[in-house]
């Protein structure tokens, strides 16, 4: 009997302690979209990406033309000339694939550019959220932008606008 009372008491205290915690949520995508520097960085990344994509597409079109020319002249070429032209086309295609990987690969130039332009803004937001959590005594702050990880959120606890104000921006 004493054991049961003790367990119930511990459970009640634990429940009361968790009820006393403060929770909030933010929408980091909303915050980012209200920061002009992020919009400018995103536009710059999009432009660079489009330029590189056009360059890659132009090189593939050049390879396609080289291959069509080769197909048209193939019957007229000697065996050694055919192999030489095939090697040139294959090497050109390998070069373009390497260029594409250097631009858009896992550690490519676009990734590095994104880190350079957007990471400082994200770090600033994280610092503001962390400061607000410490100042306001929040036990946890959830991010609702990365998907439906929460089934219900009360708008009363959304502090996204406060984070923007702390960063010096207005909605």
Protein backbone atom coordinates (compact mmCIF):
# COMPACT_ATOMS: atom_id res chain seq x y z
CA UNK A 1 0.00 0.00 0.00
CA UNK A 2 2.78 2.43 0.93
CA UNK A 3 4.54 1.59 -2.33
CA UNK A 4 1.41 2.42 -4.38
CA UNK A 5 0.93 5.75 -2.59
CA UNK A 6 4.60 6.58 -3.16
CA UNK A 7 4.36 5.80 -6.90
CA UNK A 8 1.17 7.87 -7.28
CA UNK A 9 2.81 10.78 -5.45
CA UNK A 10 5.86 10.66 -7.76
CA UNK A 11 3.64 10.51 -10.84
CA UNK A 12 1.59 13.51 -9.64
CA UNK A 13 4.72 15.55 -8.95
CA UNK A 14 6.14 14.65 -12.37
CA UNK A 15 2.89 15.63 -14.07
CA UNK A 16 2.76 18.96 -12.24
CA UNK A 17 6.38 19.70 -13.15
CA UNK A 18 5.77 19.08 -16.86
CA UNK A 19 2.60 21.16 -16.80
CA UNK A 20 4.59 24.09 -15.43
CA UNK A 21 6.97 24.06 -18.42
CA UNK A 22 6.52 26.69 -21.11
CA UNK A 23 6.49 25.66 -24.75
CA UNK A 24 6.37 27.69 -27.93
CA UNK A 25 6.71 27.17 -31.64
CA UNK A 26 8.13 29.12 -34.55
CA UNK A 27 7.88 28.86 -38.29
CA UNK A 28 11.45 29.39 -39.50
CA UNK A 29 10.35 29.47 -43.14
CA UNK A 30 8.00 32.35 -42.31
CA UNK A 31 10.81 34.11 -40.46
CA UNK A 32 13.26 33.61 -43.35
CA UNK A 33 10.74 34.88 -45.90
CA UNK A 34 10.34 38.09 -43.89
CA UNK A 35 14.07 38.85 -43.87
CA UNK A 36 15.17 40.85 -46.94
CA UNK A 37 18.75 39.54 -46.77
CA UNK A 38 17.45 35.98 -47.09
CA UNK A 39 15.35 36.88 -50.12
CA UNK A 40 18.36 38.55 -51.75
CA UNK A 41 20.59 35.56 -50.98
CA UNK A 42 17.99 33.14 -52.32
CA UNK A 43 17.61 35.20 -55.52
CA UNK A 44 21.38 35.26 -55.95
CA UNK A 45 21.57 31.49 -55.49
CA UNK A 46 18.76 30.95 -57.99
CA UNK A 47 20.53 33.15 -60.58
CA UNK A 48 23.86 31.37 -60.13
CA UNK A 49 22.14 27.99 -60.34
CA UNK A 50 20.29 28.95 -63.52
CA UNK A 51 23.47 30.29 -65.13
CA UNK A 52 25.36 27.09 -64.34
CA UNK A 53 22.46 24.97 -65.57
CA UNK A 54 22.41 26.87 -68.88
CA UNK A 55 26.16 26.34 -69.22
CA UNK A 56 25.78 22.58 -68.65
CA UNK A 57 22.87 22.35 -71.09
CA UNK A 58 24.88 24.22 -73.75
CA UNK A 59 27.77 21.79 -73.34
CA UNK A 60 25.45 18.79 -73.63
CA UNK A 61 23.92 20.31 -76.79
CA UNK A 62 27.46 20.68 -78.19
CA UNK A 63 28.14 17.01 -77.44
CA UNK A 64 24.86 16.04 -79.07
CA UNK A 65 25.85 17.94 -82.22
CA UNK A 66 29.28 16.31 -82.20
CA UNK A 67 27.62 12.90 -81.97
CA UNK A 68 25.17 13.66 -84.80
CA UNK A 69 28.04 14.83 -87.00
CA UNK A 70 29.97 11.68 -86.13
CA UNK A 71 26.96 9.48 -86.99
CA UNK A 72 26.59 11.21 -90.36
CA UNK A 73 30.30 10.83 -91.22
CA UNK A 74 30.89 7.46 -89.59
CA UNK A 75 30.65 5.39 -92.76
CA UNK A 76 33.20 7.59 -94.48
CA UNK A 77 35.79 7.42 -91.68
CA UNK A 78 38.59 4.92 -91.30
CA UNK A 79 38.54 2.67 -88.22
CA UNK A 80 41.22 4.63 -86.36
CA UNK A 81 39.46 7.95 -87.09
CA UNK A 82 36.16 6.52 -85.81
CA UNK A 83 37.75 5.43 -82.55
CA UNK A 84 39.45 8.79 -82.17
CA UNK A 85 36.17 10.69 -82.67
CA UNK A 86 34.34 8.36 -80.27
CA UNK A 87 37.02 8.96 -77.62
CA UNK A 88 36.76 12.73 -78.11
CA UNK A 89 32.98 12.60 -77.63
CA UNK A 90 33.24 10.31 -74.59
CA UNK A 91 35.93 12.47 -73.00
CA UNK A 92 33.90 15.62 -73.64
CA UNK A 93 30.88 14.01 -71.99
CA UNK A 94 32.99 12.99 -68.96
CA UNK A 95 34.25 16.58 -68.65
CA UNK A 96 30.70 17.94 -68.65
CA UNK A 97 29.58 15.40 -66.04
CA UNK A 98 32.52 16.40 -63.84
CA UNK A 99 31.67 20.07 -64.30
CA UNK A 100 28.05 19.35 -63.40
CA UNK A 101 29.18 17.47 -60.30
CA UNK A 102 31.51 20.32 -59.31
CA UNK A 103 28.60 22.77 -59.56
CA UNK A 104 25.69 20.74 -58.22
CA UNK A 105 27.28 17.80 -56.40
CA UNK A 106 27.11 17.07 -52.69
CA UNK A 107 30.04 19.35 -51.87
CA UNK A 108 29.76 21.39 -55.06
CA UNK A 109 30.02 25.09 -55.62
CA UNK A 110 26.25 25.64 -55.18
CA UNK A 111 26.33 23.97 -51.76
CA UNK A 112 29.29 26.09 -50.72
CA UNK A 113 27.61 29.25 -52.02
CA UNK A 114 24.45 28.37 -50.07
CA UNK A 115 26.54 27.88 -46.92
CA UNK A 116 28.24 31.23 -47.51
CA UNK A 117 25.04 33.21 -48.11
CA UNK A 118 22.31 31.55 -46.04
CA UNK A 119 24.09 29.91 -43.10
CA UNK A 120 24.87 33.24 -41.34
CA UNK A 121 21.19 34.22 -41.53
CA UNK A 122 20.10 30.86 -40.13
CA UNK A 123 22.68 31.14 -37.35
CA UNK A 124 21.35 34.59 -36.46
CA UNK A 125 17.79 33.23 -36.25
CA UNK A 126 18.92 30.30 -34.12
CA UNK A 127 20.72 32.64 -31.74
CA UNK A 128 17.63 34.88 -31.44
CA UNK A 129 15.42 31.85 -30.70
CA UNK A 130 17.90 30.54 -28.15
CA UNK A 131 18.11 33.96 -26.45
CA UNK A 132 14.31 34.26 -26.35
CA UNK A 133 13.97 30.76 -24.93
CA UNK A 134 16.44 31.60 -22.19
CA UNK A 135 14.93 35.03 -21.42
CA UNK A 136 11.32 33.81 -21.44
CA UNK A 137 11.93 30.49 -19.73
CA UNK A 138 10.66 28.24 -22.53
CA UNK A 139 11.35 24.56 -21.98
CA UNK A 140 11.12 23.85 -25.70
CA UNK A 141 10.50 25.69 -28.94
CA UNK A 142 9.28 23.65 -31.88
CA UNK A 143 9.76 24.49 -35.56
CA UNK A 144 6.58 23.97 -37.56
CA UNK A 145 8.05 24.77 -40.99
CA UNK A 146 9.72 21.42 -41.65
CA UNK A 147 6.52 19.44 -41.78
CA UNK A 148 3.54 18.46 -39.71
CA UNK A 149 5.44 17.32 -36.64
CA UNK A 150 2.77 18.79 -34.38
CA UNK A 151 -0.87 17.92 -34.78
CA UNK A 152 -2.19 21.08 -33.15
CA UNK A 153 -0.57 24.34 -32.23
CA UNK A 154 -2.23 27.20 -30.46
CA UNK A 155 -1.41 30.46 -32.34
CA UNK A 156 -1.13 32.15 -28.96
CA UNK A 157 2.23 30.43 -28.49
CA UNK A 158 3.64 31.25 -31.95
CA UNK A 159 6.59 33.54 -31.32
CA UNK A 160 7.71 33.89 -34.97
CA UNK A 161 6.87 37.62 -35.04
CA UNK A 162 8.76 38.16 -31.79
CA UNK A 163 11.84 36.48 -33.30
CA UNK A 164 11.57 38.81 -36.31
CA UNK A 165 11.34 41.82 -33.97
CA UNK A 166 14.35 40.59 -32.00
CA UNK A 167 16.26 40.41 -35.29
CA UNK A 168 15.16 43.97 -36.08
CA UNK A 169 12.56 43.19 -38.78
CA UNK A 170 8.86 43.91 -38.95
CA UNK A 171 6.13 41.73 -40.39
